Amino acid sequence: MVSIVDYGAGNLRSVINAVAKLGYQPKLVVKPQEVLEAGVLILPGVGAAAHTIESLKRLGLDDAIKRYIADGRPFLGVCIGLQVLFTSTEEGGGYDCLGIIPGRVKRIPADLKIPHMGWNQVKQKVEHMLFSGVPDGADFYFVHSYYVEPDDKTLIAGETEYGVNMCSVLIRDNLVATQFHPEKSGQDGLKIYDNFISMVQ
């Protein structure tokens, strides 16, 4: 069973389909207790970080996610699901996030085309089971206007160049998060999901 947090994000169906295609059983969770009971938890996302944080708080899911991660349990954040883990974001004039990962979410430099949309390479910075069977420099699908900058640079497992070298994969123990959308990234994206879920099966 793979639990997917449903807080009103628009791309849930593609994540559900990706998990099901791999032969796992996806389950949407909307209550704090369901989060705490999850064996594997995915927090997907599109859109604005502030709206995501507000939705999680309204549903009481913010504290449940913090507790779940603090317990060292397997968690995968995708796109906004990565950004909201940080201390704060520059989006919307500045906003506090969940504060799970020390660091900031910064706007992509204004002289670049924003959002950063389309396929781009991910350079693997560490050897990890998450990348098993995924070529270094493989292309993944991105849609975002902000990027994360963790205080602890050793958490950066993958980087992508778009004006700046951005953290595109973050790994801390059983917490994994990607700036790109694995569910929209073909076979290599599916492999990322499969590797993550297989790590904890």
C-alpha atoms as a PDB file:
ATOM      1  CA  MET A   1       0.000   0.000   0.000  1.00  0.00           C
ATOM      2  CA  VAL A   2       1.373   3.407  -1.044  1.00  0.00           C
ATOM      3  CA  SER A   3      -0.364   6.368   0.613  1.00  0.00           C
ATOM      4  CA  ILE A   4      -0.668   9.618  -1.359  1.00  0.00           C
ATOM      5  CA  VAL A   5      -1.586  12.805   0.496  1.00  0.00           C
ATOM      6  CA  ASP A   6      -4.732  14.399  -0.931  1.00  0.00           C
ATOM      7  CA  TYR A   7      -4.877  18.072   0.048  1.00  0.00           C
ATOM      8  CA  GLY A   8      -6.447  19.284  -3.204  1.00  0.00           C
ATOM      9  CA  ALA A   9      -3.400  19.232  -5.499  1.00  0.00           C
ATOM     10  CA  GLY A  10      -4.189  18.998  -9.185  1.00  0.00           C
ATOM     11  CA  ASN A  11      -1.859  16.208 -10.293  1.00  0.00           C
ATOM     12  CA  LEU A  12      -2.995  13.391  -8.014  1.00  0.00           C
ATOM     13  CA  ARG A  13      -4.330  11.260 -10.836  1.00  0.00           C
ATOM     14  CA  SER A  14      -0.973  11.050 -12.626  1.00  0.00           C
ATOM     15  CA  VAL A  15       0.754  10.009  -9.381  1.00  0.00           C
ATOM     16  CA  ILE A  16      -1.928   7.396  -8.669  1.00  0.00           C
ATOM     17  CA  ASN A  17      -1.586   6.035 -12.201  1.00  0.00           C
ATOM     18  CA  ALA A  18       2.219   5.844 -11.935  1.00  0.00           C
ATOM     19  CA  VAL A  19       2.072   3.928  -8.639  1.00  0.00           C
ATOM     20  CA  ALA A  20      -0.599   1.561  -9.979  1.00  0.00           C
ATOM     21  CA  LYS A  21       1.337   0.978 -13.210  1.00  0.00           C
ATOM     22  CA  LEU A  22       4.254  -0.281 -11.136  1.00  0.00           C
ATOM     23  CA  GLY A  23       1.979  -2.876  -9.534  1.00  0.00           C
ATOM     24  CA  TYR A  24       1.537  -1.190  -6.163  1.00  0.00           C
ATOM     25  CA  GLN A  25      -1.766  -0.286  -4.551  1.00  0.00           C
ATOM     26  CA  PRO A  26      -2.220   3.500  -4.209  1.00  0.00           C
ATOM     27  CA  LYS A  27      -4.372   4.938  -1.442  1.00  0.00           C
ATOM     28  CA  LEU A  28      -5.412   8.572  -1.078  1.00  0.00           C
ATOM     29  CA  VAL A  29      -5.144   9.854   2.496  1.00  0.00           C
ATOM     30  CA  VAL A  30      -6.908  12.975   3.749  1.00  0.00           C
ATOM     31  CA  LYS A  31      -6.832  12.598   7.534  1.00  0.00           C
ATOM     32  CA  PRO A  32      -3.952  12.998  10.004  1.00  0.00           C
ATOM     33  CA  GLN A  33      -4.440   9.481  11.385  1.00  0.00           C
ATOM     34  CA  GLU A  34      -4.220   8.037   7.871  1.00  0.00           C
ATOM     35  CA  VAL A  35      -0.882   9.781   7.409  1.00  0.00           C
ATOM     36  CA  LEU A  36       0.425   8.388  10.685  1.00  0.00           C
ATOM     37  CA  GLU A  37      -0.686   4.873   9.720  1.00  0.00           C
ATOM     38  CA  ALA A  38       0.933   4.984   6.257  1.00  0.00           C
ATOM     39  CA  GLY A  39       3.630   2.492   5.362  1.00  0.00           C
ATOM     40  CA  VAL A  40       4.936   4.632   2.496  1.00  0.00           C
ATOM     41  CA  LEU A  41       3.891   8.273   2.045  1.00  0.00           C
ATOM     42  CA  ILE A  42       4.034  10.487  -1.063  1.00  0.00           C
ATOM     43  CA  LEU A  43       3.331  14.241  -0.936  1.00  0.00           C
ATOM     44  CA  PRO A  44       2.797  15.418  -4.528  1.00  0.00           C
ATOM     45  CA  GLY A  45       2.181  18.972  -5.600  1.00  0.00           C
ATOM     46  CA  VAL A  46       1.713  21.644  -8.199  1.00  0.00           C
ATOM     47  CA  GLY A  47       1.034  25.354  -7.815  1.00  0.00           C
ATOM     48  CA  ALA A  48       1.875  27.693  -4.945  1.00  0.00           C
ATOM     49  CA  ALA A  49       3.672  26.701  -1.754  1.00  0.00           C
ATOM     50  CA  ALA A  50       1.580  29.072   0.379  1.00  0.00           C
ATOM     51  CA  HIS A  51      -1.658  27.484  -0.831  1.00  0.00           C
ATOM     52  CA  THR A  52      -0.229  24.020  -0.161  1.00  0.00           C
ATOM     53  CA  ILE A  53       0.807  24.940   3.400  1.00  0.00           C
ATOM     54  CA  GLU A  54      -2.594  26.504   4.083  1.00  0.00           C
ATOM     55  CA  SER A  55      -4.385  23.419   2.771  1.00  0.00           C
ATOM     56  CA  LEU A  56      -2.243  21.073   4.862  1.00  0.00           C
ATOM     57  CA  LYS A  57      -2.862  23.151   7.981  1.00  0.00           C
ATOM     58  CA  ARG A  58      -6.601  23.379   7.345  1.00  0.00           C
ATOM     59  CA  LEU A  59      -6.798  19.592   7.122  1.00  0.00           C
ATOM     60  CA  GLY A  60      -4.520  19.088  10.119  1.00  0.00           C
ATOM     61  CA  LEU A  61      -2.000  17.268   7.952  1.00  0.00           C
ATOM     62  CA  ASP A  62       1.003  19.516   8.623  1.00  0.00           C
ATOM     63  CA  ASP A  63       1.727  18.200  12.114  1.00  0.00           C
ATOM     64  CA  ALA A  64       0.999  14.629  11.031  1.00  0.00           C
ATOM     65  CA  ILE A  65       3.552  14.877   8.211  1.00  0.00           C
ATOM     66  CA  LYS A  66       6.133  16.387  10.585  1.00  0.00           C
ATOM     67  CA  ARG A  67       5.599  13.553  13.060  1.00  0.00           C
ATOM     68  CA  TYR A  68       5.697  10.904  10.327  1.00  0.00           C
ATOM     69  CA  ILE A  69       9.032  12.209   9.001  1.00  0.00           C
ATOM     70  CA  ALA A  70      10.461  12.719  12.502  1.00  0.00           C
ATOM     71  CA  ASP A  71       9.817   9.025  13.144  1.00  0.00           C
ATOM     72  CA  GLY A  72      12.173   8.228  10.248  1.00  0.00           C
ATOM     73  CA  ARG A  73       9.492   6.675   8.083  1.00  0.00           C
ATOM     74  CA  PRO A  74       9.629   6.534   4.245  1.00  0.00           C
ATOM     75  CA  PHE A  75       8.517   9.799   2.651  1.00  0.00           C
ATOM     76  CA  LEU A  76       8.695  11.101  -0.915  1.00  0.00           C
ATOM     77  CA  GLY A  77       7.979  14.759  -1.721  1.00  0.00           C
ATOM     78  CA  VAL A  78       7.424  15.861  -5.316  1.00  0.00           C
ATOM     79  CA  CYS A  79       7.855  19.449  -6.614  1.00  0.00           C
ATOM     80  CA  ILE A  80       5.851  21.573  -4.134  1.00  0.00           C
ATOM     81  CA  GLY A  81       6.026  18.499  -1.906  1.00  0.00           C
ATOM     82  CA  LEU A  82       9.784  19.170  -1.761  1.00  0.00           C
ATOM     83  CA  GLN A  83       9.576  22.940  -1.319  1.00  0.00           C
ATOM     84  CA  VAL A  84       7.130  22.939   1.603  1.00  0.00           C
ATOM     85  CA  LEU A  85       9.576  20.851   3.658  1.00  0.00           C
ATOM     86  CA  PHE A  86      11.894  23.852   3.993  1.00  0.00           C
ATOM     87  CA  THR A  87      12.056  26.623   6.572  1.00  0.00           C
ATOM     88  CA  SER A  88      10.675  29.346   4.342  1.00  0.00           C
ATOM     89  CA  THR A  89       9.981  30.372   0.764  1.00  0.00           C
ATOM     90  CA  GLU A  90      10.429  33.659  -1.099  1.00  0.00           C
ATOM     91  CA  GLU A  91       7.169  32.981  -2.913  1.00  0.00           C
ATOM     92  CA  GLY A  92       4.356  35.426  -2.247  1.00  0.00           C
ATOM     93  CA  GLY A  93       6.665  37.919  -0.557  1.00  0.00           C
ATOM     94  CA  GLY A  94       7.866  35.354   1.950  1.00  0.00           C
ATOM     95  CA  TYR A  95       6.114  32.515   3.732  1.00  0.00           C
ATOM     96  CA  ASP A  96       6.941  30.035   6.483  1.00  0.00           C
ATOM     97  CA  CYS A  97       6.946  26.401   5.389  1.00  0.00           C
ATOM     98  CA  LEU A  98       6.972  23.192   7.458  1.00  0.00           C
ATOM     99  CA  GLY A  99      10.527  23.688   8.732  1.00  0.00           C
ATOM    100  CA  ILE A 100      11.531  20.040   8.370  1.00  0.00           C
ATOM    101  CA  ILE A 101      14.605  20.786   6.237  1.00  0.00           C
ATOM    102  CA  PRO A 102      16.628  23.896   7.248  1.00  0.00           C
ATOM    103  CA  GLY A 103      17.007  26.179   4.247  1.00  0.00           C
ATOM    104  CA  ARG A 104      15.145  28.485   1.874  1.00  0.00           C
ATOM    105  CA  VAL A 105      13.118  28.235  -1.287  1.00  0.00           C
ATOM    106  CA  LYS A 106      14.381  30.872  -3.731  1.00  0.00           C
ATOM    107  CA  ARG A 107      13.035  32.318  -6.950  1.00  0.00           C
ATOM    108  CA  ILE A 108      14.706  31.299 -10.195  1.00  0.00           C
ATOM    109  CA  PRO A 109      16.752  34.284 -11.507  1.00  0.00           C
ATOM    110  CA  ALA A 110      14.524  36.788 -13.279  1.00  0.00           C
ATOM    111  CA  ASP A 111      16.608  36.853 -16.473  1.00  0.00           C
ATOM    112  CA  LEU A 112      15.576  33.262 -17.232  1.00  0.00           C
ATOM    113  CA  LYS A 113      12.336  31.995 -18.694  1.00  0.00           C
ATOM    114  CA  ILE A 114       9.988  31.356 -15.784  1.00  0.00           C
ATOM    115  CA  PRO A 115       8.612  28.866 -15.030  1.00  0.00           C
ATOM    116  CA  HIS A 116      11.382  26.402 -15.741  1.00  0.00           C
ATOM    117  CA  MET A 117       9.231  24.029 -17.768  1.00  0.00           C
ATOM    118  CA  GLY A 118      10.191  20.927 -19.698  1.00  0.00           C
ATOM    119  CA  TRP A 119      12.898  18.303 -19.729  1.00  0.00           C
ATOM    120  CA  ASN A 120      16.259  18.829 -18.064  1.00  0.00           C
ATOM    121  CA  GLN A 121      19.156  16.702 -16.874  1.00  0.00           C
ATOM    122  CA  VAL A 122      19.696  15.520 -13.323  1.00  0.00           C
ATOM    123  CA  LYS A 123      23.332  15.059 -12.339  1.00  0.00           C
ATOM    124  CA  GLN A 124      23.604  12.459  -9.595  1.00  0.00           C
ATOM    125  CA  LYS A 125      25.757  13.672  -6.686  1.00  0.00           C
ATOM    126  CA  VAL A 126      25.676  10.496  -4.596  1.00  0.00           C
ATOM    127  CA  GLU A 127      25.391   6.768  -5.093  1.00  0.00           C
ATOM    128  CA  HIS A 128      22.012   5.721  -3.770  1.00  0.00           C
ATOM    129  CA  MET A 129      19.440   2.999  -4.348  1.00  0.00           C
ATOM    130  CA  LEU A 130      17.028   5.695  -5.537  1.00  0.00           C
ATOM    131  CA  PHE A 131      19.109   5.997  -8.723  1.00  0.00           C
ATOM    132  CA  SER A 132      19.420   2.251  -9.365  1.00  0.00           C
ATOM    133  CA  GLY A 133      18.956   1.665 -13.101  1.00  0.00           C
ATOM    134  CA  VAL A 134      18.694   5.413 -13.809  1.00  0.00           C
ATOM    135  CA  PRO A 135      21.542   6.810 -15.956  1.00  0.00           C
ATOM    136  CA  ASP A 136      23.490   9.760 -14.567  1.00  0.00           C
ATOM    137  CA  GLY A 137      22.386  12.833 -16.522  1.00  0.00           C
ATOM    138  CA  ALA A 138      18.968  11.375 -17.383  1.00  0.00           C
ATOM    139  CA  ASP A 139      16.259  13.866 -18.332  1.00  0.00           C
ATOM    140  CA  PHE A 140      13.244  14.492 -16.100  1.00  0.00           C
ATOM    141  CA  TYR A 141      10.230  16.785 -16.449  1.00  0.00           C
ATOM    142  CA  PHE A 142      10.196  20.059 -14.493  1.00  0.00           C
ATOM    143  CA  VAL A 143       7.545  22.753 -13.926  1.00  0.00           C
ATOM    144  CA  HIS A 144       8.557  25.307 -11.284  1.00  0.00           C
ATOM    145  CA  SER A 145       9.467  28.936 -10.646  1.00  0.00           C
ATOM    146  CA  TYR A 146      11.327  28.416  -7.355  1.00  0.00           C
ATOM    147  CA  TYR A 147      14.119  26.103  -6.243  1.00  0.00           C
ATOM    148  CA  VAL A 148      15.322  24.818  -2.875  1.00  0.00           C
ATOM    149  CA  GLU A 149      18.596  25.689  -1.190  1.00  0.00           C
ATOM    150  CA  PRO A 150      19.251  23.475   1.847  1.00  0.00           C
ATOM    151  CA  ASP A 151      21.613  24.728   4.544  1.00  0.00           C
ATOM    152  CA  ASP A 152      23.183  21.269   4.631  1.00  0.00           C
ATOM    153  CA  LYS A 153      24.605  20.751   1.138  1.00  0.00           C
ATOM    154  CA  THR A 154      25.299  17.072   1.848  1.00  0.00           C
ATOM    155  CA  LEU A 155      21.538  16.491   1.463  1.00  0.00           C
ATOM    156  CA  ILE A 156      21.753  17.372  -2.247  1.00  0.00           C
ATOM    157  CA  ALA A 157      21.622  14.052  -4.091  1.00  0.00           C
ATOM    158  CA  GLY A 158      20.924  15.450  -7.555  1.00  0.00           C
ATOM    159  CA  GLU A 159      21.542  18.799  -9.280  1.00  0.00           C
ATOM    160  CA  THR A 160      20.093  20.424 -12.364  1.00  0.00           C
ATOM    161  CA  GLU A 161      21.471  23.465 -14.151  1.00  0.00           C
ATOM    162  CA  TYR A 162      19.040  26.222 -15.106  1.00  0.00           C
ATOM    163  CA  GLY A 163      20.875  29.509 -14.739  1.00  0.00           C
ATOM    164  CA  VAL A 164      22.055  28.216 -11.363  1.00  0.00           C
ATOM    165  CA  ASN A 165      22.884  24.727 -10.125  1.00  0.00           C
ATOM    166  CA  MET A 166      19.677  23.751  -8.369  1.00  0.00           C
ATOM    167  CA  CYS A 167      19.000  20.914  -5.974  1.00  0.00           C
ATOM    168  CA  SER A 168      16.695  18.609  -7.925  1.00  0.00           C
ATOM    169  CA  VAL A 169      16.923  15.557  -5.635  1.00  0.00           C
ATOM    170  CA  LEU A 170      17.231  15.693  -1.855  1.00  0.00           C
ATOM    171  CA  ILE A 171      17.835  12.666   0.362  1.00  0.00           C
ATOM    172  CA  ARG A 172      17.984  12.543   4.167  1.00  0.00           C
ATOM    173  CA  ASP A 173      17.693   9.050   5.596  1.00  0.00           C
ATOM    174  CA  ASN A 174      14.211   7.782   4.583  1.00  0.00           C
ATOM    175  CA  LEU A 175      13.147  11.218   3.335  1.00  0.00           C
ATOM    176  CA  VAL A 176      13.472  11.597  -0.434  1.00  0.00           C
ATOM    177  CA  ALA A 177      12.224  14.547  -2.487  1.00  0.00           C
ATOM    178  CA  THR A 178      12.459  15.665  -6.107  1.00  0.00           C
ATOM    179  CA  GLN A 179      11.948  19.028  -7.781  1.00  0.00           C
ATOM    180  CA  PHE A 180      10.922  17.282 -11.006  1.00  0.00           C
ATOM    181  CA  HIS A 181       7.791  15.198 -11.548  1.00  0.00           C
ATOM    182  CA  PRO A 182       8.712  11.498 -11.768  1.00  0.00           C
ATOM    183  CA  GLU A 183       5.140  10.647 -12.804  1.00  0.00           C
ATOM    184  CA  LYS A 184       5.579  12.795 -15.936  1.00  0.00           C
ATOM    185  CA  SER A 185       9.132  11.655 -16.710  1.00  0.00           C
ATOM    186  CA  GLY A 186       8.684   8.416 -18.637  1.00  0.00           C
ATOM    187  CA  GLN A 187      10.478   5.204 -17.710  1.00  0.00           C
ATOM    188  CA  ASP A 188      13.234   6.886 -15.679  1.00  0.00           C
ATOM    189  CA  GLY A 189      10.604   8.665 -13.610  1.00  0.00           C
ATOM    190  CA  LEU A 190       8.739   5.430 -12.984  1.00  0.00           C
ATOM    191  CA  LYS A 191      12.051   3.872 -11.961  1.00  0.00           C
ATOM    192  CA  ILE A 192      12.525   6.600  -9.345  1.00  0.00           C
ATOM    193  CA  TYR A 193       9.121   5.742  -7.843  1.00  0.00           C
ATOM    194  CA  ASP A 194       9.809   2.016  -8.039  1.00  0.00           C
ATOM    195  CA  ASN A 195      13.230   2.369  -6.412  1.00  0.00           C
ATOM    196  CA  PHE A 196      11.824   4.495  -3.594  1.00  0.00           C
ATOM    197  CA  ILE A 197       8.977   2.119  -2.834  1.00  0.00           C
ATOM    198  CA  SER A 198      11.254  -0.903  -3.135  1.00  0.00           C
ATOM    199  CA  MET A 199      13.624   0.615  -0.558  1.00  0.00           C
ATOM    200  CA  VAL A 200      11.020   0.090   2.138  1.00  0.00           C
ATOM    201  CA  GLN A 201       9.061  -2.961   0.995  1.00  0.00           C
END
